[in-house]
Amino acid sequence: MLLLLLLLLLLLLLLLLLLLLLLLLLLLLLLLLLLLLLLLLILILLLLLLLLILLLLLLLLLLLLLLLLLLLLLLLLLLLLLLLLLHHHYTTTTTTPPPPFTVTKNVFTQWLLL
C-alpha cells in the first residue's frame, strides 16, 4: 500500500513536472512569437523609412529639375533681351541720318535725293 502511494506520488510529481515543462515550452513559444512580431515591426518601420527617403529624394530631384527649368527660362529671357538690345543698337546707329528736307514738287525725286 505504501509502495502504491509512493508510486502514485511519483506519478503525480512526474505529471507536475511534465505540466511545468509544457508550460515552460508554451512560454518559450510565446516569447519566440513576440520576438518575431517585434522583428516584423522593425522590418516594416525600416521599409517605411526607406520609402520616405526615396520620396524625399524624388522631391529633391523634382526641385532640381524645376530650378534647372527656371534657370533655362532666365537664360532664354536674357538672350531675348540681348537680341532686343542688338536690334535696337543696329537700327539706331547704322542708318545715316536723312539729309535736310528740301522742298520739291515731286515726292519721288525727294526720295531719290535721300
PDB file of N, CA and C in Angstrom:
ATOM      1  N   MET A   1       0.820  -1.190   0.000  1.00  0.00           N
ATOM      2  CA  MET A   1       0.000   0.000   0.000  1.00  0.00           C
ATOM      3  C   MET A   1       0.866   1.258   0.000  1.00  0.00           C
ATOM      4  N   LEU A   2       1.870   1.243   0.824  1.00  0.00           N
ATOM      5  CA  LEU A   2       2.785   2.356   0.888  1.00  0.00           C
ATOM      6  C   LEU A   2       3.524   2.508  -0.437  1.00  0.00           C
ATOM      7  N   LEU A   3       3.868   1.419  -0.997  1.00  0.00           N
ATOM      8  CA  LEU A   3       4.539   1.423  -2.290  1.00  0.00           C
ATOM      9  C   LEU A   3       3.622   1.997  -3.356  1.00  0.00           C
ATOM     10  N   LEU A   4       2.393   1.642  -3.312  1.00  0.00           N
ATOM     11  CA  LEU A   4       1.414   2.169  -4.254  1.00  0.00           C
ATOM     12  C   LEU A   4       1.246   3.671  -4.072  1.00  0.00           C
ATOM     13  N   LEU A   5       1.213   4.100  -2.840  1.00  0.00           N
ATOM     14  CA  LEU A   5       1.122   5.522  -2.561  1.00  0.00           C
ATOM     15  C   LEU A   5       2.352   6.266  -3.038  1.00  0.00           C
ATOM     16  N   LEU A   6       3.489   5.693  -2.827  1.00  0.00           N
ATOM     17  CA  LEU A   6       4.732   6.297  -3.314  1.00  0.00           C
ATOM     18  C   LEU A   6       4.747   6.359  -4.841  1.00  0.00           C
ATOM     19  N   LEU A   7       4.300   5.318  -5.443  1.00  0.00           N
ATOM     20  CA  LEU A   7       4.220   5.287  -6.916  1.00  0.00           C
ATOM     21  C   LEU A   7       3.251   6.345  -7.424  1.00  0.00           C
ATOM     22  N   LEU A   8       2.139   6.462  -6.756  1.00  0.00           N
ATOM     23  CA  LEU A   8       1.155   7.476  -7.112  1.00  0.00           C
ATOM     24  C   LEU A   8       1.728   8.870  -6.921  1.00  0.00           C
ATOM     25  N   LEU A   9       2.431   9.085  -5.859  1.00  0.00           N
ATOM     26  CA  LEU A   9       3.072  10.357  -5.603  1.00  0.00           C
ATOM     27  C   LEU A   9       4.137  10.649  -6.657  1.00  0.00           C
ATOM     28  N   LEU A  10       4.883   9.661  -6.993  1.00  0.00           N
ATOM     29  CA  LEU A  10       5.903   9.794  -8.033  1.00  0.00           C
ATOM     30  C   LEU A  10       5.252  10.108  -9.370  1.00  0.00           C
ATOM     31  N   LEU A  11       4.196   9.431  -9.655  1.00  0.00           N
ATOM     32  CA  LEU A  11       3.453   9.691 -10.888  1.00  0.00           C
ATOM     33  C   LEU A  11       2.900  11.114 -10.896  1.00  0.00           C
ATOM     34  N   LEU A  12       2.386  11.538  -9.766  1.00  0.00           N
ATOM     35  CA  LEU A  12       1.897  12.912  -9.654  1.00  0.00           C
ATOM     36  C   LEU A  12       3.016  13.912  -9.837  1.00  0.00           C
ATOM     37  N   LEU A  13       4.153  13.658  -9.251  1.00  0.00           N
ATOM     38  CA  LEU A  13       5.310  14.533  -9.424  1.00  0.00           C
ATOM     39  C   LEU A  13       5.757  14.565 -10.876  1.00  0.00           C
ATOM     40  N   LEU A  14       5.763  13.435 -11.496  1.00  0.00           N
ATOM     41  CA  LEU A  14       6.118  13.379 -12.924  1.00  0.00           C
ATOM     42  C   LEU A  14       5.130  14.167 -13.769  1.00  0.00           C
ATOM     43  N   LEU A  15       3.875  14.000 -13.447  1.00  0.00           N
ATOM     44  CA  LEU A  15       2.853  14.752 -14.168  1.00  0.00           C
ATOM     45  C   LEU A  15       3.006  16.244 -13.950  1.00  0.00           C
ATOM     46  N   LEU A  16       3.284  16.621 -12.727  1.00  0.00           N
ATOM     47  CA  LEU A  16       3.520  18.020 -12.421  1.00  0.00           C
ATOM     48  C   LEU A  16       4.747  18.547 -13.150  1.00  0.00           C
ATOM     49  N   LEU A  17       5.784  17.768 -13.187  1.00  0.00           N
ATOM     50  CA  LEU A  17       6.993  18.127 -13.905  1.00  0.00           C
ATOM     51  C   LEU A  17       6.714  18.273 -15.405  1.00  0.00           C
ATOM     52  N   LEU A  18       5.958  17.364 -15.925  1.00  0.00           N
ATOM     53  CA  LEU A  18       5.580  17.415 -17.329  1.00  0.00           C
ATOM     54  C   LEU A  18       4.735  18.648 -17.613  1.00  0.00           C
ATOM     55  N   LEU A  19       3.823  18.930 -16.729  1.00  0.00           N
ATOM     56  CA  LEU A  19       2.996  20.120 -16.883  1.00  0.00           C
ATOM     57  C   LEU A  19       3.855  21.387 -16.816  1.00  0.00           C
ATOM     58  N   LEU A  20       4.786  21.409 -15.912  1.00  0.00           N
ATOM     59  CA  LEU A  20       5.701  22.539 -15.788  1.00  0.00           C
ATOM     60  C   LEU A  20       6.547  22.684 -17.054  1.00  0.00           C
ATOM     61  N   LEU A  21       7.019  21.612 -17.561  1.00  0.00           N
ATOM     62  CA  LEU A  21       7.801  21.603 -18.794  1.00  0.00           C
ATOM     63  C   LEU A  21       6.956  22.107 -19.963  1.00  0.00           C
ATOM     64  N   LEU A  22       5.731  21.655 -20.021  1.00  0.00           N
ATOM     65  CA  LEU A  22       4.812  22.101 -21.069  1.00  0.00           C
ATOM     66  C   LEU A  22       4.547  23.604 -20.951  1.00  0.00           C
ATOM     67  N   LEU A  23       4.364  24.059 -19.746  1.00  0.00           N
ATOM     68  CA  LEU A  23       4.160  25.477 -19.513  1.00  0.00           C
ATOM     69  C   LEU A  23       5.387  26.282 -19.916  1.00  0.00           C
ATOM     70  N   LEU A  24       6.543  25.777 -19.604  1.00  0.00           N
ATOM     71  CA  LEU A  24       7.786  26.429 -19.982  1.00  0.00           C
ATOM     72  C   LEU A  24       7.932  26.477 -21.501  1.00  0.00           C
ATOM     73  N   LEU A  25       7.593  25.405 -22.136  1.00  0.00           N
ATOM     74  CA  LEU A  25       7.640  25.342 -23.592  1.00  0.00           C
ATOM     75  C   LEU A  25       6.654  26.331 -24.203  1.00  0.00           C
ATOM     76  N   LEU A  26       5.483  26.408 -23.655  1.00  0.00           N
ATOM     77  CA  LEU A  26       4.479  27.372 -24.123  1.00  0.00           C
ATOM     78  C   LEU A  26       4.967  28.804 -23.933  1.00  0.00           C
ATOM     79  N   LEU A  27       5.579  29.065 -22.822  1.00  0.00           N
ATOM     80  CA  LEU A  27       6.131  30.378 -22.559  1.00  0.00           C
ATOM     81  C   LEU A  27       7.247  30.704 -23.550  1.00  0.00           C
ATOM     82  N   LEU A  28       8.069  29.749 -23.833  1.00  0.00           N
ATOM     83  CA  LEU A  28       9.140  29.921 -24.804  1.00  0.00           C
ATOM     84  C   LEU A  28       8.579  30.203 -26.199  1.00  0.00           C
ATOM     85  N   LEU A  29       7.555  29.485 -26.567  1.00  0.00           N
ATOM     86  CA  LEU A  29       6.913  29.722 -27.861  1.00  0.00           C
ATOM     87  C   LEU A  29       6.282  31.114 -27.934  1.00  0.00           C
ATOM     88  N   LEU A  30       5.683  31.516 -26.857  1.00  0.00           N
ATOM     89  CA  LEU A  30       5.098  32.847 -26.792  1.00  0.00           C
ATOM     90  C   LEU A  30       6.180  33.918 -26.915  1.00  0.00           C
ATOM     91  N   LEU A  31       7.278  33.713 -26.251  1.00  0.00           N
ATOM     92  CA  LEU A  31       8.399  34.629 -26.333  1.00  0.00           C
ATOM     93  C   LEU A  31       8.949  34.697 -27.765  1.00  0.00           C
ATOM     94  N   LEU A  32       9.049  33.553 -28.373  1.00  0.00           N
ATOM     95  CA  LEU A  32       9.517  33.484 -29.756  1.00  0.00           C
ATOM     96  C   LEU A  32       8.548  34.215 -30.690  1.00  0.00           C
ATOM     97  N   LEU A  33       7.288  34.030 -30.473  1.00  0.00           N
ATOM     98  CA  LEU A  33       6.281  34.712 -31.278  1.00  0.00           C
ATOM     99  C   LEU A  33       6.367  36.231 -31.084  1.00  0.00           C
ATOM    100  N   LEU A  34       6.541  36.671 -29.876  1.00  0.00           N
ATOM    101  CA  LEU A  34       6.703  38.097 -29.618  1.00  0.00           C
ATOM    102  C   LEU A  34       7.958  38.645 -30.278  1.00  0.00           C
ATOM    103  N   LEU A  35       9.011  37.885 -30.244  1.00  0.00           N
ATOM    104  CA  LEU A  35      10.246  38.288 -30.900  1.00  0.00           C
ATOM    105  C   LEU A  35      10.053  38.399 -32.405  1.00  0.00           C
ATOM    106  N   LEU A  36       9.344  37.462 -32.970  1.00  0.00           N
ATOM    107  CA  LEU A  36       9.051  37.514 -34.404  1.00  0.00           C
ATOM    108  C   LEU A  36       8.194  38.723 -34.763  1.00  0.00           C
ATOM    109  N   LEU A  37       7.212  39.000 -33.948  1.00  0.00           N
ATOM    110  CA  LEU A  37       6.377  40.180 -34.179  1.00  0.00           C
ATOM    111  C   LEU A  37       7.187  41.469 -34.078  1.00  0.00           C
ATOM    112  N   LEU A  38       8.071  41.517 -33.126  1.00  0.00           N
ATOM    113  CA  LEU A  38       8.938  42.682 -32.989  1.00  0.00           C
ATOM    114  C   LEU A  38       9.848  42.832 -34.203  1.00  0.00           C
ATOM    115  N   LEU A  39      10.375  41.750 -34.671  1.00  0.00           N
ATOM    116  CA  LEU A  39      11.215  41.761 -35.868  1.00  0.00           C
ATOM    117  C   LEU A  39      10.421  42.229 -37.092  1.00  0.00           C
ATOM    118  N   LEU A  40       9.219  41.748 -37.201  1.00  0.00           N
ATOM    119  CA  LEU A  40       8.353  42.167 -38.305  1.00  0.00           C
ATOM    120  C   LEU A  40       8.036  43.663 -38.220  1.00  0.00           C
ATOM    121  N   LEU A  41       7.792  44.145 -37.037  1.00  0.00           N
ATOM    122  CA  LEU A  41       7.525  45.562 -36.841  1.00  0.00           C
ATOM    123  C   LEU A  41       8.749  46.400 -37.212  1.00  0.00           C
ATOM    124  N   ILE A  42       9.912  45.953 -36.809  1.00  0.00           N
ATOM    125  CA  ILE A  42      11.151  46.665 -37.166  1.00  0.00           C
ATOM    126  C   ILE A  42      11.350  46.665 -38.676  1.00  0.00           C
ATOM    127  N   LEU A  43      11.081  45.564 -39.306  1.00  0.00           N
ATOM    128  CA  LEU A  43      11.204  45.468 -40.761  1.00  0.00           C
ATOM    129  C   LEU A  43      10.228  46.420 -41.460  1.00  0.00           C
ATOM    130  N   ILE A  44       9.014  46.471 -40.985  1.00  0.00           N
ATOM    131  CA  ILE A  44       8.020  47.391 -41.576  1.00  0.00           C
ATOM    132  C   ILE A  44       8.449  48.836 -41.382  1.00  0.00           C
ATOM    133  N   LEU A  45       8.956  49.154 -40.220  1.00  0.00           N
ATOM    134  CA  LEU A  45       9.423  50.518 -39.967  1.00  0.00           C
ATOM    135  C   LEU A  45      10.612  50.872 -40.855  1.00  0.00           C
ATOM    136  N   LEU A  46      11.502  49.928 -41.052  1.00  0.00           N
ATOM    137  CA  LEU A  46      12.636  50.178 -41.951  1.00  0.00           C
ATOM    138  C   LEU A  46      12.176  50.386 -43.386  1.00  0.00           C
ATOM    139  N   LEU A  47      11.208  49.612 -43.797  1.00  0.00           N
ATOM    140  CA  LEU A  47      10.675  49.796 -45.153  1.00  0.00           C
ATOM    141  C   LEU A  47       9.991  51.152 -45.306  1.00  0.00           C
ATOM    142  N   LEU A  48       9.274  51.564 -44.296  1.00  0.00           N
ATOM    143  CA  LEU A  48       8.647  52.884 -44.336  1.00  0.00           C
ATOM    144  C   LEU A  48       9.687  54.000 -44.364  1.00  0.00           C
ATOM    145  N   LEU A  49      10.755  53.818 -43.615  1.00  0.00           N
ATOM    146  CA  LEU A  49      11.836  54.795 -43.625  1.00  0.00           C
ATOM    147  C   LEU A  49      12.490  54.860 -44.996  1.00  0.00           C
ATOM    148  N   LEU A  50      12.698  53.727 -45.596  1.00  0.00           N
ATOM    149  CA  LEU A  50      13.271  53.676 -46.941  1.00  0.00           C
ATOM    150  C   LEU A  50      12.344  54.352 -47.943  1.00  0.00           C
ATOM    151  N   LEU A  51      11.077  54.112 -47.829  1.00  0.00           N
ATOM    152  CA  LEU A  51      10.095  54.752 -48.711  1.00  0.00           C
ATOM    153  C   LEU A  51      10.103  56.272 -48.525  1.00  0.00           C
ATOM    154  N   LEU A  52      10.211  56.708 -47.299  1.00  0.00           N
ATOM    155  CA  LEU A  52      10.272  58.137 -47.020  1.00  0.00           C
ATOM    156  C   LEU A  52      11.533  58.759 -47.614  1.00  0.00           C
ATOM    157  N   ILE A  53      12.646  58.079 -47.488  1.00  0.00           N
ATOM    158  CA  ILE A  53      13.902  58.578 -48.057  1.00  0.00           C
ATOM    159  C   ILE A  53      13.801  58.652 -49.568  1.00  0.00           C
ATOM    160  N   LEU A  54      13.226  57.640 -50.174  1.00  0.00           N
ATOM    161  CA  LEU A  54      13.060  57.658 -51.629  1.00  0.00           C
ATOM    162  C   LEU A  54      12.124  58.779 -52.075  1.00  0.00           C
ATOM    163  N   LEU A  55      11.100  59.004 -51.314  1.00  0.00           N
ATOM    164  CA  LEU A  55      10.175  60.090 -51.622  1.00  0.00           C
ATOM    165  C   LEU A  55      10.858  61.448 -51.511  1.00  0.00           C
ATOM    166  N   LEU A  56      11.671  61.615 -50.493  1.00  0.00           N
ATOM    167  CA  LEU A  56      12.409  62.866 -50.331  1.00  0.00           C
ATOM    168  C   LEU A  56      13.414  63.065 -51.456  1.00  0.00           C
ATOM    169  N   LEU A  57      14.058  61.996 -51.864  1.00  0.00           N
ATOM    170  CA  LEU A  57      14.991  62.096 -52.991  1.00  0.00           C
ATOM    171  C   LEU A  57      14.271  62.462 -54.277  1.00  0.00           C
ATOM    172  N   LEU A  58      13.122  61.902 -54.471  1.00  0.00           N
ATOM    173  CA  LEU A  58      12.322  62.232 -55.651  1.00  0.00           C
ATOM    174  C   LEU A  58      11.892  63.695 -55.617  1.00  0.00           C
ATOM    175  N   LEU A  59      11.509  64.157 -54.460  1.00  0.00           N
ATOM    176  CA  LEU A  59      11.127  65.555 -54.301  1.00  0.00           C
ATOM    177  C   LEU A  59      12.306  66.478 -54.574  1.00  0.00           C
ATOM    178  N   LEU A  60      13.474  66.092 -54.100  1.00  0.00           N
ATOM    179  CA  LEU A  60      14.674  66.872 -54.340  1.00  0.00           C
ATOM    180  C   LEU A  60      15.010  66.904 -55.828  1.00  0.00           C
ATOM    181  N   LEU A  61      14.877  65.792 -56.473  1.00  0.00           N
ATOM    182  CA  LEU A  61      15.126  65.718 -57.913  1.00  0.00           C
ATOM    183  C   LEU A  61      14.141  66.602 -58.670  1.00  0.00           C
ATOM    184  N   LEU A  62      12.909  66.564 -58.276  1.00  0.00           N
ATOM    185  CA  LEU A  62      11.896  67.409 -58.900  1.00  0.00           C
ATOM    186  C   LEU A  62      12.208  68.889 -58.686  1.00  0.00           C
ATOM    187  N   LEU A  63      12.647  69.221 -57.504  1.00  0.00           N
ATOM    188  CA  LEU A  63      13.018  70.600 -57.199  1.00  0.00           C
ATOM    189  C   LEU A  63      14.213  71.039 -58.043  1.00  0.00           C
ATOM    190  N   LEU A  64      15.189  70.168 -58.180  1.00  0.00           N
ATOM    191  CA  LEU A  64      16.342  70.489 -59.017  1.00  0.00           C
ATOM    192  C   LEU A  64      15.951  70.659 -60.473  1.00  0.00           C
ATOM    193  N   LEU A  65      15.062  69.832 -60.925  1.00  0.00           N
ATOM    194  CA  LEU A  65      14.571  69.945 -62.290  1.00  0.00           C
ATOM    195  C   LEU A  65      13.834  71.267 -62.491  1.00  0.00           C
ATOM    196  N   LEU A  66      13.034  71.635 -61.536  1.00  0.00           N
ATOM    197  CA  LEU A  66      12.319  72.909 -61.603  1.00  0.00           C
ATOM    198  C   LEU A  66      13.300  74.080 -61.598  1.00  0.00           C
ATOM    199  N   LEU A  67      14.317  73.989 -60.780  1.00  0.00           N
ATOM    200  CA  LEU A  67      15.343  75.024 -60.735  1.00  0.00           C
ATOM    201  C   LEU A  67      16.081  75.123 -62.061  1.00  0.00           C
ATOM    202  N   LEU A  68      16.388  74.000 -62.636  1.00  0.00           N
ATOM    203  CA  LEU A  68      17.050  73.977 -63.937  1.00  0.00           C
ATOM    204  C   LEU A  68      16.156  74.596 -65.004  1.00  0.00           C
ATOM    205  N   LEU A  69      14.905  74.275 -64.975  1.00  0.00           N
ATOM    206  CA  LEU A  69      13.956  74.849 -65.919  1.00  0.00           C
ATOM    207  C   LEU A  69      13.861  76.363 -65.744  1.00  0.00           C
ATOM    208  N   LEU A  70      13.831  76.812 -64.524  1.00  0.00           N
ATOM    209  CA  LEU A  70      13.795  78.235 -64.238  1.00  0.00           C
ATOM    210  C   LEU A  70      15.067  78.925 -64.730  1.00  0.00           C
ATOM    211  N   LEU A  71      16.185  78.291 -64.525  1.00  0.00           N
ATOM    212  CA  LEU A  71      17.450  78.822 -65.000  1.00  0.00           C
ATOM    213  C   LEU A  71      17.472  78.904 -66.522  1.00  0.00           C
ATOM    214  N   LEU A  72      16.966  77.905 -67.164  1.00  0.00           N
ATOM    215  CA  LEU A  72      16.887  77.890 -68.620  1.00  0.00           C
ATOM    216  C   LEU A  72      15.969  79.008 -69.120  1.00  0.00           C
ATOM    217  N   LEU A  73      14.876  79.201 -68.456  1.00  0.00           N
ATOM    218  CA  LEU A  73      13.957  80.274 -68.817  1.00  0.00           C
ATOM    219  C   LEU A  73      14.621  81.641 -68.638  1.00  0.00           C
ATOM    220  N   LEU A  74      15.357  81.796 -67.556  1.00  0.00           N
ATOM    221  CA  LEU A  74      16.078  83.041 -67.317  1.00  0.00           C
ATOM    222  C   LEU A  74      17.126  83.272 -68.400  1.00  0.00           C
ATOM    223  N   LEU A  75      17.820  82.232 -68.772  1.00  0.00           N
ATOM    224  CA  LEU A  75      18.808  82.328 -69.846  1.00  0.00           C
ATOM    225  C   LEU A  75      18.150  82.714 -71.161  1.00  0.00           C
ATOM    226  N   LEU A  76      17.028  82.132 -71.427  1.00  0.00           N
ATOM    227  CA  LEU A  76      16.291  82.460 -72.646  1.00  0.00           C
ATOM    228  C   LEU A  76      15.833  83.920 -72.634  1.00  0.00           C
ATOM    229  N   LEU A  77      15.367  84.380 -71.498  1.00  0.00           N
ATOM    230  CA  LEU A  77      14.965  85.783 -71.389  1.00  0.00           C
ATOM    231  C   LEU A  77      16.155  86.723 -71.567  1.00  0.00           C
ATOM    232  N   LEU A  78      17.283  86.352 -71.005  1.00  0.00           N
ATOM    233  CA  LEU A  78      18.481  87.170 -71.184  1.00  0.00           C
ATOM    234  C   LEU A  78      18.918  87.200 -72.642  1.00  0.00           C
ATOM    235  N   LEU A  79      18.824  86.083 -73.301  1.00  0.00           N
ATOM    236  CA  LEU A  79      19.158  86.025 -74.717  1.00  0.00           C
ATOM    237  C   LEU A  79      18.205  86.888 -75.535  1.00  0.00           C
ATOM    238  N   LEU A  80      16.943  86.838 -75.197  1.00  0.00           N
ATOM    239  CA  LEU A  80      15.952  87.669 -75.874  1.00  0.00           C
ATOM    240  C   LEU A  80      16.234  89.150 -75.641  1.00  0.00           C
ATOM    241  N   LEU A  81      16.603  89.492 -74.432  1.00  0.00           N
ATOM    242  CA  LEU A  81      16.949  90.873 -74.116  1.00  0.00           C
ATOM    243  C   LEU A  81      18.186  91.312 -74.890  1.00  0.00           C
ATOM    244  N   LEU A  82      19.153  90.447 -74.978  1.00  0.00           N
ATOM    245  CA  LEU A  82      20.359  90.750 -75.746  1.00  0.00           C
ATOM    246  C   LEU A  82      20.028  90.958 -77.214  1.00  0.00           C
ATOM    247  N   LEU A  83      19.186  90.103 -77.757  1.00  0.00           N
ATOM    248  CA  LEU A  83      18.782  90.272 -79.155  1.00  0.00           C
ATOM    249  C   LEU A  83      18.020  91.580 -79.356  1.00  0.00           C
ATOM    250  N   LEU A  84      17.200  91.905 -78.417  1.00  0.00           N
ATOM    251  CA  LEU A  84      16.460  93.160 -78.499  1.00  0.00           C
ATOM    252  C   LEU A  84      17.402  94.359 -78.441  1.00  0.00           C
ATOM    253  N   LEU A  85      18.376  94.290 -77.544  1.00  0.00           N
ATOM    254  CA  LEU A  85      19.353  95.382 -77.451  1.00  0.00           C
ATOM    255  C   LEU A  85      20.195  95.484 -78.717  1.00  0.00           C
ATOM    256  N   LEU A  86      20.601  94.350 -79.254  1.00  0.00           N
ATOM    257  CA  LEU A  86      21.372  94.368 -80.506  1.00  0.00           C
ATOM    258  C   LEU A  86      20.541  94.933 -81.649  1.00  0.00           C
ATOM    259  N   HIS A  87      19.305  94.539 -81.691  1.00  0.00           N
ATOM    260  CA  HIS A  87      18.419  95.054 -82.738  1.00  0.00           C
ATOM    261  C   HIS A  87      18.256  96.565 -82.601  1.00  0.00           C
ATOM    262  N   HIS A  88      18.061  97.002 -81.377  1.00  0.00           N
ATOM    263  CA  HIS A  88      17.913  98.434 -81.130  1.00  0.00           C
ATOM    264  C   HIS A  88      19.202  99.182 -81.507  1.00  0.00           C
ATOM    265  N   HIS A  89      20.333  98.596 -81.147  1.00  0.00           N
ATOM    266  CA  HIS A  89      21.616  99.226 -81.438  1.00  0.00           C
ATOM    267  C   HIS A  89      21.843  99.346 -82.944  1.00  0.00           C
ATOM    268  N   TYR A  90      21.608  98.266 -83.665  1.00  0.00           N
ATOM    269  CA  TYR A  90      21.863  98.305 -85.103  1.00  0.00           C
ATOM    270  C   TYR A  90      20.833  99.122 -85.878  1.00  0.00           C
ATOM    271  N   THR A  91      19.661  99.236 -85.362  1.00  0.00           N
ATOM    272  CA  THR A  91      18.670 100.059 -86.080  1.00  0.00           C
ATOM    273  C   THR A  91      18.858 101.536 -85.797  1.00  0.00           C
ATOM    274  N   THR A  92      19.472 101.903 -84.699  1.00  0.00           N
ATOM    275  CA  THR A  92      19.645 103.334 -84.392  1.00  0.00           C
ATOM    276  C   THR A  92      21.009 103.856 -84.808  1.00  0.00           C
ATOM    277  N   THR A  93      22.034 103.050 -84.888  1.00  0.00           N
ATOM    278  CA  THR A  93      23.378 103.584 -85.154  1.00  0.00           C
ATOM    279  C   THR A  93      23.852 103.376 -86.580  1.00  0.00           C
ATOM    280  N   THR A  94      23.411 102.361 -87.278  1.00  0.00           N
ATOM    281  CA  THR A  94      23.962 102.101 -88.607  1.00  0.00           C
ATOM    282  C   THR A  94      23.290 102.914 -89.702  1.00  0.00           C
ATOM    283  N   THR A  95      22.143 103.402 -89.456  1.00  0.00           N
ATOM    284  CA  THR A  95      21.495 104.207 -90.516  1.00  0.00           C
ATOM    285  C   THR A  95      22.022 105.628 -90.461  1.00  0.00           C
ATOM    286  N   THR A  96      22.257 106.161 -91.621  1.00  0.00           N
ATOM    287  CA  THR A  96      22.730 107.561 -91.679  1.00  0.00           C
ATOM    288  C   THR A  96      21.529 108.480 -91.545  1.00  0.00           C
ATOM    289  N   PRO A  97      21.747 109.575 -90.903  1.00  0.00           N
ATOM    290  CA  PRO A  97      20.620 110.495 -90.756  1.00  0.00           C
ATOM    291  C   PRO A  97      20.200 111.070 -92.119  1.00  0.00           C
ATOM    292  N   PRO A  98      18.959 111.299 -92.306  1.00  0.00           N
ATOM    293  CA  PRO A  98      18.498 111.807 -93.606  1.00  0.00           C
ATOM    294  C   PRO A  98      18.995 113.240 -93.851  1.00  0.00           C
ATOM    295  N   PRO A  99      19.192 113.569 -95.088  1.00  0.00           N
ATOM    296  CA  PRO A  99      19.629 114.950 -95.380  1.00  0.00           C
ATOM    297  C   PRO A  99      18.517 115.938 -95.033  1.00  0.00           C
ATOM    298  N   PRO A 100      18.863 117.169 -94.881  1.00  0.00           N
ATOM    299  CA  PRO A 100      17.820 118.155 -94.561  1.00  0.00           C
ATOM    300  C   PRO A 100      16.750 118.193 -95.640  1.00  0.00           C
ATOM    301  N   PHE A 101      15.579 118.409 -95.208  1.00  0.00           N
ATOM    302  CA  PHE A 101      14.440 118.350 -96.115  1.00  0.00           C
ATOM    303  C   PHE A 101      14.441 119.559 -97.047  1.00  0.00           C
ATOM    304  N   THR A 102      14.436 119.216 -98.337  1.00  0.00           N
ATOM    305  CA  THR A 102      14.363 120.296 -99.333  1.00  0.00           C
ATOM    306  C   THR A 102      12.998 120.251 -99.979  1.00  0.00           C
ATOM    307  N   VAL A 103      12.478 121.376-100.229  1.00  0.00           N
ATOM    308  CA  VAL A 103      11.129 121.432-100.793  1.00  0.00           C
ATOM    309  C   VAL A 103      11.216 121.177-102.285  1.00  0.00           C
ATOM    310  N   THR A 104      10.579 120.093-102.696  1.00  0.00           N
ATOM    311  CA  THR A 104      10.452 119.796-104.127  1.00  0.00           C
ATOM    312  C   THR A 104       9.010 119.491-104.411  1.00  0.00           C
ATOM    313  N   LYS A 105       8.722 119.572-105.685  1.00  0.00           N
ATOM    314  CA  LYS A 105       7.333 119.333-106.056  1.00  0.00           C
ATOM    315  C   LYS A 105       7.026 117.851-106.165  1.00  0.00           C
ATOM    316  N   ASN A 106       7.998 117.080-106.498  1.00  0.00           N
ATOM    317  CA  ASN A 106       7.779 115.662-106.731  1.00  0.00           C
ATOM    318  C   ASN A 106       8.302 114.854-105.542  1.00  0.00           C
ATOM    319  N   VAL A 107       7.452 113.989-104.996  1.00  0.00           N
ATOM    320  CA  VAL A 107       7.855 113.165-103.851  1.00  0.00           C
ATOM    321  C   VAL A 107       8.835 112.090-104.280  1.00  0.00           C
ATOM    322  N   PHE A 108       8.691 111.609-105.490  1.00  0.00           N
ATOM    323  CA  PHE A 108       9.582 110.568-105.986  1.00  0.00           C
ATOM    324  C   PHE A 108      11.013 111.082-106.078  1.00  0.00           C
ATOM    325  N   THR A 109      11.200 112.284-106.558  1.00  0.00           N
ATOM    326  CA  THR A 109      12.547 112.851-106.638  1.00  0.00           C
ATOM    327  C   THR A 109      13.083 113.155-105.242  1.00  0.00           C
ATOM    328  N   GLN A 110      12.181 113.492-104.368  1.00  0.00           N
ATOM    329  CA  GLN A 110      12.613 113.716-102.981  1.00  0.00           C
ATOM    330  C   GLN A 110      13.170 112.423-102.387  1.00  0.00           C
ATOM    331  N   TRP A 111      12.534 111.317-102.665  1.00  0.00           N
ATOM    332  CA  TRP A 111      13.007 110.035-102.192  1.00  0.00           C
ATOM    333  C   TRP A 111      14.317 109.651-102.862  1.00  0.00           C
ATOM    334  N   LEU A 112      14.503 110.054-104.109  1.00  0.00           N
ATOM    335  CA  LEU A 112      15.765 109.766-104.784  1.00  0.00           C
ATOM    336  C   LEU A 112      16.911 110.567-104.192  1.00  0.00           C
ATOM    337  N   LEU A 113      16.611 111.741-103.720  1.00  0.00           N
ATOM    338  CA  LEU A 113      17.641 112.565-103.096  1.00  0.00           C
ATOM    339  C   LEU A 113      18.132 111.975-101.779  1.00  0.00           C
ATOM    340  N   LEU A 114      17.300 111.209-101.159  1.00  0.00           N
ATOM    341  CA  LEU A 114      17.718 110.579 -99.913  1.00  0.00           C
ATOM    342  C   LEU A 114      18.747 109.537-100.227  1.00  0.00           C
TER     343      LEU A 114
END
